[in-house]
Amino acid sequence: MKYALIALILASSLFADAQTLFRQCQICHGKYAEKPMGSKIAPGALTKDQISYALTRYRDSYQTSSGNAKVMSTNVRRFTDQDIEDIAAYIKELQAQRQAELEAQAAERLKELQ
């Protein structure tokens, strides 16, 4: 129990930093990273590894084909490798939260219909 509590505290602090970093992303990509900008796929629809890869390419200025490459490069250029891993994990956590909220809303609507 003691170790589980410590792990929970560490995970909370990890997501707190990622949450702070993600605030600038929300402007374009939405609360749950559900909105694509300059591409056809929303960040939240990608795997954790795909998010990390894309952010690393933007940070290192290898990704230049996107219409928003300059904006993305500017926003992530100060991210460390750890920041990128944390944000990718946070985005996947956001997707899990979004899915839970959608399921709760669907269950509520179903109750209303019955």
PDB file of N, CA and C in Angstrom:
ATOM      1  N   MET A   1       0.820  -1.193   0.000  1.00  0.00           N
ATOM      2  CA  MET A   1       0.000   0.000   0.000  1.00  0.00           C
ATOM      3  C   MET A   1       0.866   1.259   0.000  1.00  0.00           C
ATOM      4  N   LYS A   2       1.912   1.229   0.822  1.00  0.00           N
ATOM      5  CA  LYS A   2       2.819   2.372   0.919  1.00  0.00           C
ATOM      6  C   LYS A   2       3.463   2.669  -0.431  1.00  0.00           C
ATOM      7  N   TYR A   3       3.889   1.611  -1.148  1.00  0.00           N
ATOM      8  CA  TYR A   3       4.539   1.796  -2.447  1.00  0.00           C
ATOM      9  C   TYR A   3       3.546   2.266  -3.504  1.00  0.00           C
ATOM     10  N   ALA A   4       2.329   1.807  -3.409  1.00  0.00           N
ATOM     11  CA  ALA A   4       1.289   2.245  -4.353  1.00  0.00           C
ATOM     12  C   ALA A   4       1.027   3.732  -4.180  1.00  0.00           C
ATOM     13  N   LEU A   5       1.009   4.202  -2.938  1.00  0.00           N
ATOM     14  CA  LEU A   5       0.793   5.619  -2.659  1.00  0.00           C
ATOM     15  C   LEU A   5       1.943   6.459  -3.210  1.00  0.00           C
ATOM     16  N   ILE A   6       3.153   5.988  -3.018  1.00  0.00           N
ATOM     17  CA  ILE A   6       4.328   6.699  -3.547  1.00  0.00           C
ATOM     18  C   ILE A   6       4.269   6.756  -5.073  1.00  0.00           C
ATOM     19  N   ALA A   7       3.909   5.641  -5.708  1.00  0.00           N
ATOM     20  CA  ALA A   7       3.800   5.607  -7.164  1.00  0.00           C
ATOM     21  C   ALA A   7       2.727   6.572  -7.641  1.00  0.00           C
ATOM     22  N   LEU A   8       1.612   6.647  -6.925  1.00  0.00           N
ATOM     23  CA  LEU A   8       0.524   7.558  -7.297  1.00  0.00           C
ATOM     24  C   LEU A   8       0.978   9.010  -7.189  1.00  0.00           C
ATOM     25  N   ILE A   9       1.707   9.329  -6.135  1.00  0.00           N
ATOM     26  CA  ILE A   9       2.218  10.697  -5.955  1.00  0.00           C
ATOM     27  C   ILE A   9       3.188  11.052  -7.080  1.00  0.00           C
ATOM     28  N   LEU A  10       4.082  10.133  -7.409  1.00  0.00           N
ATOM     29  CA  LEU A  10       5.038  10.387  -8.496  1.00  0.00           C
ATOM     30  C   LEU A  10       4.326  10.547  -9.832  1.00  0.00           C
ATOM     31  N   ALA A  11       3.332   9.711 -10.100  1.00  0.00           N
ATOM     32  CA  ALA A  11       2.580   9.816 -11.358  1.00  0.00           C
ATOM     33  C   ALA A  11       1.830  11.137 -11.418  1.00  0.00           C
ATOM     34  N   SER A  12       1.272  11.577 -10.298  1.00  0.00           N
ATOM     35  CA  SER A  12       0.549  12.847 -10.268  1.00  0.00           C
ATOM     36  C   SER A  12       1.476  14.009 -10.582  1.00  0.00           C
ATOM     37  N   SER A  13       2.680  13.970 -10.020  1.00  0.00           N
ATOM     38  CA  SER A  13       3.617  15.063 -10.295  1.00  0.00           C
ATOM     39  C   SER A  13       4.081  15.026 -11.750  1.00  0.00           C
ATOM     40  N   LEU A  14       4.234  13.834 -12.310  1.00  0.00           N
ATOM     41  CA  LEU A  14       4.614  13.702 -13.721  1.00  0.00           C
ATOM     42  C   LEU A  14       3.552  14.340 -14.605  1.00  0.00           C
ATOM     43  N   PHE A  15       2.293  13.992 -14.367  1.00  0.00           N
ATOM     44  CA  PHE A  15       1.220  14.532 -15.195  1.00  0.00           C
ATOM     45  C   PHE A  15       0.995  16.014 -14.935  1.00  0.00           C
ATOM     46  N   ALA A  16       1.345  16.497 -13.745  1.00  0.00           N
ATOM     47  CA  ALA A  16       1.209  17.926 -13.469  1.00  0.00           C
ATOM     48  C   ALA A  16       2.127  18.725 -14.392  1.00  0.00           C
ATOM     49  N   ASP A  17       3.362  18.255 -14.560  1.00  0.00           N
ATOM     50  CA  ASP A  17       4.283  18.939 -15.464  1.00  0.00           C
ATOM     51  C   ASP A  17       3.815  18.828 -16.910  1.00  0.00           C
ATOM     52  N   ALA A  18       3.378  17.640 -17.300  1.00  0.00           N
ATOM     53  CA  ALA A  18       2.898  17.434 -18.670  1.00  0.00           C
ATOM     54  C   ALA A  18       1.644  18.266 -18.916  1.00  0.00           C
ATOM     55  N   GLN A  19       0.803  18.376 -17.896  1.00  0.00           N
ATOM     56  CA  GLN A  19      -0.413  19.178 -18.033  1.00  0.00           C
ATOM     57  C   GLN A  19      -0.049  20.639 -18.286  1.00  0.00           C
ATOM     58  N   THR A  20       0.943  21.126 -17.584  1.00  0.00           N
ATOM     59  CA  THR A  20       1.392  22.505 -17.787  1.00  0.00           C
ATOM     60  C   THR A  20       1.924  22.695 -19.205  1.00  0.00           C
ATOM     61  N   LEU A  21       2.725  21.755 -19.666  1.00  0.00           N
ATOM     62  CA  LEU A  21       3.260  21.835 -21.028  1.00  0.00           C
ATOM     63  C   LEU A  21       2.151  21.738 -22.070  1.00  0.00           C
ATOM     64  N   PHE A  22       1.148  20.915 -21.791  1.00  0.00           N
ATOM     65  CA  PHE A  22       0.074  20.689 -22.763  1.00  0.00           C
ATOM     66  C   PHE A  22      -0.860  21.883 -22.899  1.00  0.00           C
ATOM     67  N   ARG A  23      -0.870  22.787 -21.943  1.00  0.00           N
ATOM     68  CA  ARG A  23      -1.778  23.948 -22.017  1.00  0.00           C
ATOM     69  C   ARG A  23      -1.609  24.721 -23.321  1.00  0.00           C
ATOM     70  N   GLN A  24      -0.373  24.891 -23.766  1.00  0.00           N
ATOM     71  CA  GLN A  24      -0.152  25.625 -25.009  1.00  0.00           C
ATOM     72  C   GLN A  24      -0.663  24.830 -26.208  1.00  0.00           C
ATOM     73  N   CYS A  25      -0.716  23.520 -26.100  1.00  0.00           N
ATOM     74  CA  CYS A  25      -1.201  22.665 -27.189  1.00  0.00           C
ATOM     75  C   CYS A  25      -2.715  22.720 -27.314  1.00  0.00           C
ATOM     76  N   GLN A  26      -3.391  22.920 -26.175  1.00  0.00           N
ATOM     77  CA  GLN A  26      -4.848  22.913 -26.156  1.00  0.00           C
ATOM     78  C   GLN A  26      -5.458  23.998 -27.032  1.00  0.00           C
ATOM     79  N   ILE A  27      -4.770  25.081 -27.206  1.00  0.00           N
ATOM     80  CA  ILE A  27      -5.295  26.178 -28.005  1.00  0.00           C
ATOM     81  C   ILE A  27      -5.664  25.693 -29.402  1.00  0.00           C
ATOM     82  N   CYS A  28      -4.799  24.909 -29.996  1.00  0.00           N
ATOM     83  CA  CYS A  28      -5.050  24.396 -31.350  1.00  0.00           C
ATOM     84  C   CYS A  28      -5.643  22.986 -31.359  1.00  0.00           C
ATOM     85  N   HIS A  29      -5.190  22.131 -30.430  1.00  0.00           N
ATOM     86  CA  HIS A  29      -5.544  20.713 -30.500  1.00  0.00           C
ATOM     87  C   HIS A  29      -6.711  20.309 -29.610  1.00  0.00           C
ATOM     88  N   GLY A  30      -7.236  21.235 -28.806  1.00  0.00           N
ATOM     89  CA  GLY A  30      -8.387  20.933 -27.976  1.00  0.00           C
ATOM     90  C   GLY A  30      -8.026  20.327 -26.635  1.00  0.00           C
ATOM     91  N   LYS A  31      -9.016  20.264 -25.759  1.00  0.00           N
ATOM     92  CA  LYS A  31      -8.839  19.797 -24.387  1.00  0.00           C
ATOM     93  C   LYS A  31      -8.280  18.384 -24.311  1.00  0.00           C
ATOM     94  N   TYR A  32      -8.663  17.538 -25.257  1.00  0.00           N
ATOM     95  CA  TYR A  32      -8.245  16.139 -25.247  1.00  0.00           C
ATOM     96  C   TYR A  32      -7.320  15.783 -26.405  1.00  0.00           C
ATOM     97  N   ALA A  33      -6.713  16.769 -27.027  1.00  0.00           N
ATOM     98  CA  ALA A  33      -5.849  16.546 -28.188  1.00  0.00           C
ATOM     99  C   ALA A  33      -6.629  15.861 -29.307  1.00  0.00           C
ATOM    100  N   GLU A  34      -7.912  16.226 -29.405  1.00  0.00           N
ATOM    101  CA  GLU A  34      -8.798  15.574 -30.366  1.00  0.00           C
ATOM    102  C   GLU A  34      -8.896  16.295 -31.703  1.00  0.00           C
ATOM    103  N   LYS A  35      -8.292  17.457 -31.813  1.00  0.00           N
ATOM    104  CA  LYS A  35      -8.404  18.239 -33.043  1.00  0.00           C
ATOM    105  C   LYS A  35      -7.101  18.192 -33.848  1.00  0.00           C
ATOM    106  N   PRO A  36      -7.195  17.791 -35.097  1.00  0.00           N
ATOM    107  CA  PRO A  36      -5.996  17.854 -35.944  1.00  0.00           C
ATOM    108  C   PRO A  36      -5.785  19.281 -36.430  1.00  0.00           C
ATOM    109  N   MET A  37      -4.568  19.673 -36.565  1.00  0.00           N
ATOM    110  CA  MET A  37      -4.237  20.990 -37.106  1.00  0.00           C
ATOM    111  C   MET A  37      -3.110  20.809 -38.122  1.00  0.00           C
ATOM    112  N   GLY A  38      -3.395  21.066 -39.370  1.00  0.00           N
ATOM    113  CA  GLY A  38      -2.366  20.951 -40.396  1.00  0.00           C
ATOM    114  C   GLY A  38      -2.128  19.532 -40.856  1.00  0.00           C
ATOM    115  N   SER A  39      -2.810  18.584 -40.248  1.00  0.00           N
ATOM    116  CA  SER A  39      -2.711  17.200 -40.686  1.00  0.00           C
ATOM    117  C   SER A  39      -4.104  16.595 -40.577  1.00  0.00           C
ATOM    118  N   LYS A  40      -4.247  15.399 -41.039  1.00  0.00           N
ATOM    119  CA  LYS A  40      -5.560  14.777 -41.021  1.00  0.00           C
ATOM    120  C   LYS A  40      -5.815  13.972 -39.759  1.00  0.00           C
ATOM    121  N   ILE A  41      -4.794  13.803 -38.923  1.00  0.00           N
ATOM    122  CA  ILE A  41      -4.913  12.960 -37.738  1.00  0.00           C
ATOM    123  C   ILE A  41      -4.689  13.806 -36.482  1.00  0.00           C
ATOM    124  N   ALA A  42      -5.616  13.706 -35.543  1.00  0.00           N
ATOM    125  CA  ALA A  42      -5.471  14.407 -34.266  1.00  0.00           C
ATOM    126  C   ALA A  42      -4.389  13.729 -33.439  1.00  0.00           C
ATOM    127  N   PRO A  43      -3.647  14.498 -32.640  1.00  0.00           N
ATOM    128  CA  PRO A  43      -2.599  13.894 -31.813  1.00  0.00           C
ATOM    129  C   PRO A  43      -3.127  12.778 -30.912  1.00  0.00           C
ATOM    130  N   GLY A  44      -4.317  12.945 -30.389  1.00  0.00           N
ATOM    131  CA  GLY A  44      -4.885  11.944 -29.499  1.00  0.00           C
ATOM    132  C   GLY A  44      -5.176  10.615 -30.170  1.00  0.00           C
ATOM    133  N   ALA A  45      -5.279  10.614 -31.481  1.00  0.00           N
ATOM    134  CA  ALA A  45      -5.546   9.374 -32.213  1.00  0.00           C
ATOM    135  C   ALA A  45      -4.272   8.575 -32.476  1.00  0.00           C
ATOM    136  N   LEU A  46      -3.131   9.175 -32.204  1.00  0.00           N
ATOM    137  CA  LEU A  46      -1.851   8.506 -32.424  1.00  0.00           C
ATOM    138  C   LEU A  46      -1.461   7.674 -31.213  1.00  0.00           C
ATOM    139  N   THR A  47      -0.541   6.752 -31.406  1.00  0.00           N
ATOM    140  CA  THR A  47      -0.001   6.002 -30.277  1.00  0.00           C
ATOM    141  C   THR A  47       0.996   6.901 -29.535  1.00  0.00           C
ATOM    142  N   LYS A  48       1.354   6.485 -28.340  1.00  0.00           N
ATOM    143  CA  LYS A  48       2.329   7.240 -27.552  1.00  0.00           C
ATOM    144  C   LYS A  48       3.646   7.378 -28.318  1.00  0.00           C
ATOM    145  N   ASP A  49       4.086   6.299 -28.934  1.00  0.00           N
ATOM    146  CA  ASP A  49       5.335   6.337 -29.697  1.00  0.00           C
ATOM    147  C   ASP A  49       5.244   7.264 -30.899  1.00  0.00           C
ATOM    148  N   GLN A  50       4.100   7.280 -31.577  1.00  0.00           N
ATOM    149  CA  GLN A  50       3.922   8.167 -32.725  1.00  0.00           C
ATOM    150  C   GLN A  50       3.923   9.633 -32.294  1.00  0.00           C
ATOM    151  N   ILE A  51       3.301   9.922 -31.157  1.00  0.00           N
ATOM    152  CA  ILE A  51       3.297  11.296 -30.640  1.00  0.00           C
ATOM    153  C   ILE A  51       4.725  11.719 -30.310  1.00  0.00           C
ATOM    154  N   SER A  52       5.450  10.858 -29.622  1.00  0.00           N
ATOM    155  CA  SER A  52       6.846  11.167 -29.255  1.00  0.00           C
ATOM    156  C   SER A  52       7.701  11.394 -30.497  1.00  0.00           C
ATOM    157  N   TYR A  53       7.536  10.538 -31.472  1.00  0.00           N
ATOM    158  CA  TYR A  53       8.300  10.647 -32.718  1.00  0.00           C
ATOM    159  C   TYR A  53       8.000  11.974 -33.424  1.00  0.00           C
ATOM    160  N   ALA A  54       6.722  12.301 -33.545  1.00  0.00           N
ATOM    161  CA  ALA A  54       6.335  13.540 -34.236  1.00  0.00           C
ATOM    162  C   ALA A  54       6.871  14.766 -33.497  1.00  0.00           C
ATOM    163  N   LEU A  55       6.714  14.793 -32.178  1.00  0.00           N
ATOM    164  CA  LEU A  55       7.197  15.943 -31.412  1.00  0.00           C
ATOM    165  C   LEU A  55       8.711  16.081 -31.496  1.00  0.00           C
ATOM    166  N   THR A  56       9.406  14.968 -31.469  1.00  0.00           N
ATOM    167  CA  THR A  56      10.859  15.005 -31.593  1.00  0.00           C
ATOM    168  C   THR A  56      11.269  15.549 -32.953  1.00  0.00           C
ATOM    169  N   ARG A  57      10.578  15.123 -33.997  1.00  0.00           N
ATOM    170  CA  ARG A  57      10.900  15.624 -35.346  1.00  0.00           C
ATOM    171  C   ARG A  57      10.614  17.117 -35.453  1.00  0.00           C
ATOM    172  N   TYR A  58       9.518  17.573 -34.874  1.00  0.00           N
ATOM    173  CA  TYR A  58       9.242  19.013 -34.877  1.00  0.00           C
ATOM    174  C   TYR A  58      10.317  19.763 -34.094  1.00  0.00           C
ATOM    175  N   ARG A  59      10.649  19.264 -32.918  1.00  0.00           N
ATOM    176  CA  ARG A  59      11.650  19.931 -32.079  1.00  0.00           C
ATOM    177  C   ARG A  59      12.988  20.036 -32.792  1.00  0.00           C
ATOM    178  N   ASP A  60      13.384  18.960 -33.453  1.00  0.00           N
ATOM    179  CA  ASP A  60      14.682  18.917 -34.116  1.00  0.00           C
ATOM    180  C   ASP A  60      14.649  19.448 -35.543  1.00  0.00           C
ATOM    181  N   SER A  61      13.518  20.041 -35.922  1.00  0.00           N
ATOM    182  CA  SER A  61      13.314  20.668 -37.244  1.00  0.00           C
ATOM    183  C   SER A  61      13.471  19.705 -38.419  1.00  0.00           C
ATOM    184  N   TYR A  62      13.126  18.448 -38.222  1.00  0.00           N
ATOM    185  CA  TYR A  62      13.126  17.491 -39.330  1.00  0.00           C
ATOM    186  C   TYR A  62      11.769  17.440 -40.012  1.00  0.00           C
ATOM    187  N   GLN A  63      10.730  17.793 -39.278  1.00  0.00           N
ATOM    188  CA  GLN A  63       9.368  17.749 -39.814  1.00  0.00           C
ATOM    189  C   GLN A  63       9.067  19.119 -40.412  1.00  0.00           C
ATOM    190  N   THR A  64       9.085  19.204 -41.720  1.00  0.00           N
ATOM    191  CA  THR A  64       8.856  20.494 -42.373  1.00  0.00           C
ATOM    192  C   THR A  64       7.738  20.453 -43.398  1.00  0.00           C
ATOM    193  N   SER A  65       7.151  19.287 -43.633  1.00  0.00           N
ATOM    194  CA  SER A  65       6.134  19.164 -44.679  1.00  0.00           C
ATOM    195  C   SER A  65       4.762  19.648 -44.230  1.00  0.00           C
ATOM    196  N   SER A  66       4.516  19.679 -42.950  1.00  0.00           N
ATOM    197  CA  SER A  66       3.227  20.104 -42.434  1.00  0.00           C
ATOM    198  C   SER A  66       3.070  21.606 -42.591  1.00  0.00           C
ATOM    199  N   GLY A  67       1.839  22.040 -42.810  1.00  0.00           N
ATOM    200  CA  GLY A  67       1.570  23.472 -42.924  1.00  0.00           C
ATOM    201  C   GLY A  67       1.844  24.220 -41.639  1.00  0.00           C
ATOM    202  N   ASN A  68       1.798  23.526 -40.536  1.00  0.00           N
ATOM    203  CA  ASN A  68       2.020  24.148 -39.236  1.00  0.00           C
ATOM    204  C   ASN A  68       3.382  23.799 -38.645  1.00  0.00           C
ATOM    205  N   ALA A  69       4.304  23.364 -39.471  1.00  0.00           N
ATOM    206  CA  ALA A  69       5.610  22.916 -38.976  1.00  0.00           C
ATOM    207  C   ALA A  69       6.336  24.018 -38.208  1.00  0.00           C
ATOM    208  N   LYS A  70       6.266  25.244 -38.685  1.00  0.00           N
ATOM    209  CA  LYS A  70       6.963  26.336 -38.000  1.00  0.00           C
ATOM    210  C   LYS A  70       6.349  26.604 -36.632  1.00  0.00           C
ATOM    211  N   VAL A  71       5.025  26.568 -36.565  1.00  0.00           N
ATOM    212  CA  VAL A  71       4.347  26.783 -35.290  1.00  0.00           C
ATOM    213  C   VAL A  71       4.702  25.666 -34.318  1.00  0.00           C
ATOM    214  N   MET A  72       4.624  24.438 -34.798  1.00  0.00           N
ATOM    215  CA  MET A  72       4.940  23.298 -33.936  1.00  0.00           C
ATOM    216  C   MET A  72       6.397  23.337 -33.495  1.00  0.00           C
ATOM    217  N   SER A  73       7.301  23.601 -34.407  1.00  0.00           N
ATOM    218  CA  SER A  73       8.728  23.653 -34.064  1.00  0.00           C
ATOM    219  C   SER A  73       8.997  24.717 -33.007  1.00  0.00           C
ATOM    220  N   THR A  74       8.354  25.856 -33.155  1.00  0.00           N
ATOM    221  CA  THR A  74       8.529  26.937 -32.186  1.00  0.00           C
ATOM    222  C   THR A  74       8.010  26.529 -30.817  1.00  0.00           C
ATOM    223  N   ASN A  75       6.871  25.853 -30.792  1.00  0.00           N
ATOM    224  CA  ASN A  75       6.263  25.472 -29.521  1.00  0.00           C
ATOM    225  C   ASN A  75       7.000  24.362 -28.793  1.00  0.00           C
ATOM    226  N   VAL A  76       7.647  23.469 -29.509  1.00  0.00           N
ATOM    227  CA  VAL A  76       8.283  22.322 -28.844  1.00  0.00           C
ATOM    228  C   VAL A  76       9.803  22.395 -28.815  1.00  0.00           C
ATOM    229  N   ARG A  77      10.387  23.451 -29.323  1.00  0.00           N
ATOM    230  CA  ARG A  77      11.852  23.503 -29.405  1.00  0.00           C
ATOM    231  C   ARG A  77      12.534  23.469 -28.050  1.00  0.00           C
ATOM    232  N   ARG A  78      11.857  23.874 -27.001  1.00  0.00           N
ATOM    233  CA  ARG A  78      12.462  23.855 -25.661  1.00  0.00           C
ATOM    234  C   ARG A  78      12.173  22.558 -24.899  1.00  0.00           C
ATOM    235  N   PHE A  79      11.395  21.653 -25.490  1.00  0.00           N
ATOM    236  CA  PHE A  79      11.060  20.391 -24.821  1.00  0.00           C
ATOM    237  C   PHE A  79      12.273  19.470 -24.765  1.00  0.00           C
ATOM    238  N   THR A  80      12.484  18.874 -23.614  1.00  0.00           N
ATOM    239  CA  THR A  80      13.519  17.845 -23.481  1.00  0.00           C
ATOM    240  C   THR A  80      12.923  16.517 -23.954  1.00  0.00           C
ATOM    241  N   ASP A  81      13.774  15.515 -24.072  1.00  0.00           N
ATOM    242  CA  ASP A  81      13.263  14.180 -24.413  1.00  0.00           C
ATOM    243  C   ASP A  81      12.256  13.709 -23.372  1.00  0.00           C
ATOM    244  N   GLN A  82      12.533  14.012 -22.105  1.00  0.00           N
ATOM    245  CA  GLN A  82      11.619  13.606 -21.030  1.00  0.00           C
ATOM    246  C   GLN A  82      10.296  14.354 -21.134  1.00  0.00           C
ATOM    247  N   ASP A  83      10.332  15.642 -21.466  1.00  0.00           N
ATOM    248  CA  ASP A  83       9.098  16.408 -21.662  1.00  0.00           C
ATOM    249  C   ASP A  83       8.237  15.771 -22.752  1.00  0.00           C
ATOM    250  N   ILE A  84       8.890  15.369 -23.818  1.00  0.00           N
ATOM    251  CA  ILE A  84       8.164  14.769 -24.951  1.00  0.00           C
ATOM    252  C   ILE A  84       7.536  13.447 -24.528  1.00  0.00           C
ATOM    253  N   GLU A  85       8.276  12.633 -23.806  1.00  0.00           N
ATOM    254  CA  GLU A  85       7.718  11.357 -23.323  1.00  0.00           C
ATOM    255  C   GLU A  85       6.555  11.603 -22.365  1.00  0.00           C
ATOM    256  N   ASP A  86       6.710  12.587 -21.489  1.00  0.00           N
ATOM    257  CA  ASP A  86       5.655  12.901 -20.522  1.00  0.00           C
ATOM    258  C   ASP A  86       4.394  13.409 -21.213  1.00  0.00           C
ATOM    259  N   ILE A  87       4.570  14.277 -22.179  1.00  0.00           N
ATOM    260  CA  ILE A  87       3.410  14.834 -22.884  1.00  0.00           C
ATOM    261  C   ILE A  87       2.705  13.753 -23.689  1.00  0.00           C
ATOM    262  N   ALA A  88       3.459  12.852 -24.294  1.00  0.00           N
ATOM    263  CA  ALA A  88       2.852  11.754 -25.056  1.00  0.00           C
ATOM    264  C   ALA A  88       2.030  10.865 -24.126  1.00  0.00           C
ATOM    265  N   ALA A  89       2.561  10.561 -22.960  1.00  0.00           N
ATOM    266  CA  ALA A  89       1.825   9.752 -21.979  1.00  0.00           C
ATOM    267  C   ALA A  89       0.589  10.504 -21.489  1.00  0.00           C
ATOM    268  N   TYR A  90       0.730  11.797 -21.277  1.00  0.00           N
ATOM    269  CA  TYR A  90      -0.397  12.619 -20.816  1.00  0.00           C
ATOM    270  C   TYR A  90      -1.505  12.657 -21.857  1.00  0.00           C
ATOM    271  N   ILE A  91      -1.151  12.785 -23.124  1.00  0.00           N
ATOM    272  CA  ILE A  91      -2.160  12.801 -24.190  1.00  0.00           C
ATOM    273  C   ILE A  91      -2.915  11.484 -24.215  1.00  0.00           C
ATOM    274  N   LYS A  92      -2.223  10.382 -24.039  1.00  0.00           N
ATOM    275  CA  LYS A  92      -2.909   9.087 -24.010  1.00  0.00           C
ATOM    276  C   LYS A  92      -3.821   8.989 -22.777  1.00  0.00           C
ATOM    277  N   GLU A  93      -3.389   9.563 -21.650  1.00  0.00           N
ATOM    278  CA  GLU A  93      -4.243   9.597 -20.460  1.00  0.00           C
ATOM    279  C   GLU A  93      -5.481  10.458 -20.723  1.00  0.00           C
ATOM    280  N   LEU A  94      -5.301  11.567 -21.413  1.00  0.00           N
ATOM    281  CA  LEU A  94      -6.444  12.411 -21.773  1.00  0.00           C
ATOM    282  C   LEU A  94      -7.449  11.649 -22.627  1.00  0.00           C
ATOM    283  N   GLN A  95      -6.946  10.838 -23.537  1.00  0.00           N
ATOM    284  CA  GLN A  95      -7.835  10.050 -24.384  1.00  0.00           C
ATOM    285  C   GLN A  95      -8.638   9.050 -23.552  1.00  0.00           C
ATOM    286  N   ALA A  96      -8.010   8.462 -22.551  1.00  0.00           N
ATOM    287  CA  ALA A  96      -8.716   7.538 -21.664  1.00  0.00           C
ATOM    288  C   ALA A  96      -9.795   8.287 -20.871  1.00  0.00           C
ATOM    289  N   GLN A  97      -9.476   9.494 -20.405  1.00  0.00           N
ATOM    290  CA  GLN A  97     -10.459  10.315 -19.695  1.00  0.00           C
ATOM    291  C   GLN A  97     -11.618  10.677 -20.618  1.00  0.00           C
ATOM    292  N   ARG A  98     -11.297  11.059 -21.834  1.00  0.00           N
ATOM    293  CA  ARG A  98     -12.338  11.430 -22.800  1.00  0.00           C
ATOM    294  C   ARG A  98     -13.257  10.248 -23.074  1.00  0.00           C
ATOM    295  N   GLN A  99     -12.670   9.079 -23.262  1.00  0.00           N
ATOM    296  CA  GLN A  99     -13.464   7.880 -23.520  1.00  0.00           C
ATOM    297  C   GLN A  99     -14.396   7.587 -22.339  1.00  0.00           C
ATOM    298  N   ALA A 100     -13.878   7.723 -21.121  1.00  0.00           N
ATOM    299  CA  ALA A 100     -14.697   7.490 -19.930  1.00  0.00           C
ATOM    300  C   ALA A 100     -15.844   8.492 -19.850  1.00  0.00           C
ATOM    301  N   GLU A 101     -15.571   9.748 -20.167  1.00  0.00           N
ATOM    302  CA  GLU A 101     -16.615  10.768 -20.157  1.00  0.00           C
ATOM    303  C   GLU A 101     -17.675  10.493 -21.214  1.00  0.00           C
ATOM    304  N   LEU A 102     -17.247  10.095 -22.405  1.00  0.00           N
ATOM    305  CA  LEU A 102     -18.201   9.775 -23.470  1.00  0.00           C
ATOM    306  C   LEU A 102     -19.076   8.582 -23.090  1.00  0.00           C
ATOM    307  N   GLU A 103     -18.478   7.583 -22.478  1.00  0.00           N
ATOM    308  CA  GLU A 103     -19.244   6.414 -22.040  1.00  0.00           C
ATOM    309  C   GLU A 103     -20.238   6.778 -20.948  1.00  0.00           C
ATOM    310  N   ALA A 104     -19.844   7.657 -20.027  1.00  0.00           N
ATOM    311  CA  ALA A 104     -20.744   8.108 -18.965  1.00  0.00           C
ATOM    312  C   ALA A 104     -21.911   8.905 -19.552  1.00  0.00           C
ATOM    313  N   GLN A 105     -21.618   9.758 -20.535  1.00  0.00           N
ATOM    314  CA  GLN A 105     -22.673  10.527 -21.191  1.00  0.00           C
ATOM    315  C   GLN A 105     -23.635   9.616 -21.935  1.00  0.00           C
ATOM    316  N   ALA A 106     -23.104   8.614 -22.602  1.00  0.00           N
ATOM    317  CA  ALA A 106     -23.947   7.665 -23.333  1.00  0.00           C
ATOM    318  C   ALA A 106     -24.830   6.883 -22.372  1.00  0.00           C
ATOM    319  N   ALA A 107     -24.280   6.474 -21.240  1.00  0.00           N
ATOM    320  CA  ALA A 107     -25.066   5.745 -20.245  1.00  0.00           C
ATOM    321  C   ALA A 107     -26.168   6.634 -19.677  1.00  0.00           C
ATOM    322  N   GLU A 108     -25.846   7.887 -19.448  1.00  0.00           N
ATOM    323  CA  GLU A 108     -26.843   8.844 -18.939  1.00  0.00           C
ATOM    324  C   GLU A 108     -27.968   9.053 -19.952  1.00  0.00           C
ATOM    325  N   ARG A 109     -27.622   9.199 -21.207  1.00  0.00           N
ATOM    326  CA  ARG A 109     -28.651   9.360 -22.253  1.00  0.00           C
ATOM    327  C   ARG A 109     -29.515   8.118 -22.376  1.00  0.00           C
ATOM    328  N   LEU A 110     -28.902   6.977 -22.245  1.00  0.00           N
ATOM    329  CA  LEU A 110     -29.642   5.718 -22.317  1.00  0.00           C
ATOM    330  C   LEU A 110     -30.653   5.634 -21.175  1.00  0.00           C
ATOM    331  N   LYS A 111     -30.232   6.046 -19.974  1.00  0.00           N
ATOM    332  CA  LYS A 111     -31.158   6.063 -18.837  1.00  0.00           C
ATOM    333  C   LYS A 111     -32.328   6.993 -19.091  1.00  0.00           C
ATOM    334  N   GLU A 112     -32.039   8.161 -19.696  1.00  0.00           N
ATOM    335  CA  GLU A 112     -33.096   9.116 -19.989  1.00  0.00           C
ATOM    336  C   GLU A 112     -34.108   8.570 -20.991  1.00  0.00           C
ATOM    337  N   LEU A 113     -33.635   7.754 -21.911  1.00  0.00           N
ATOM    338  CA  LEU A 113     -34.510   7.191 -22.932  1.00  0.00           C
ATOM    339  C   LEU A 113     -35.370   6.052 -22.397  1.00  0.00           C
ATOM    340  N   GLN A 114     -34.965   5.450 -21.316  1.00  0.00           N
ATOM    341  CA  GLN A 114     -35.705   4.304 -20.780  1.00  0.00           C
ATOM    342  C   GLN A 114     -36.846   4.718 -19.910  1.00  0.00           C
TER     343      GLN A 114
END
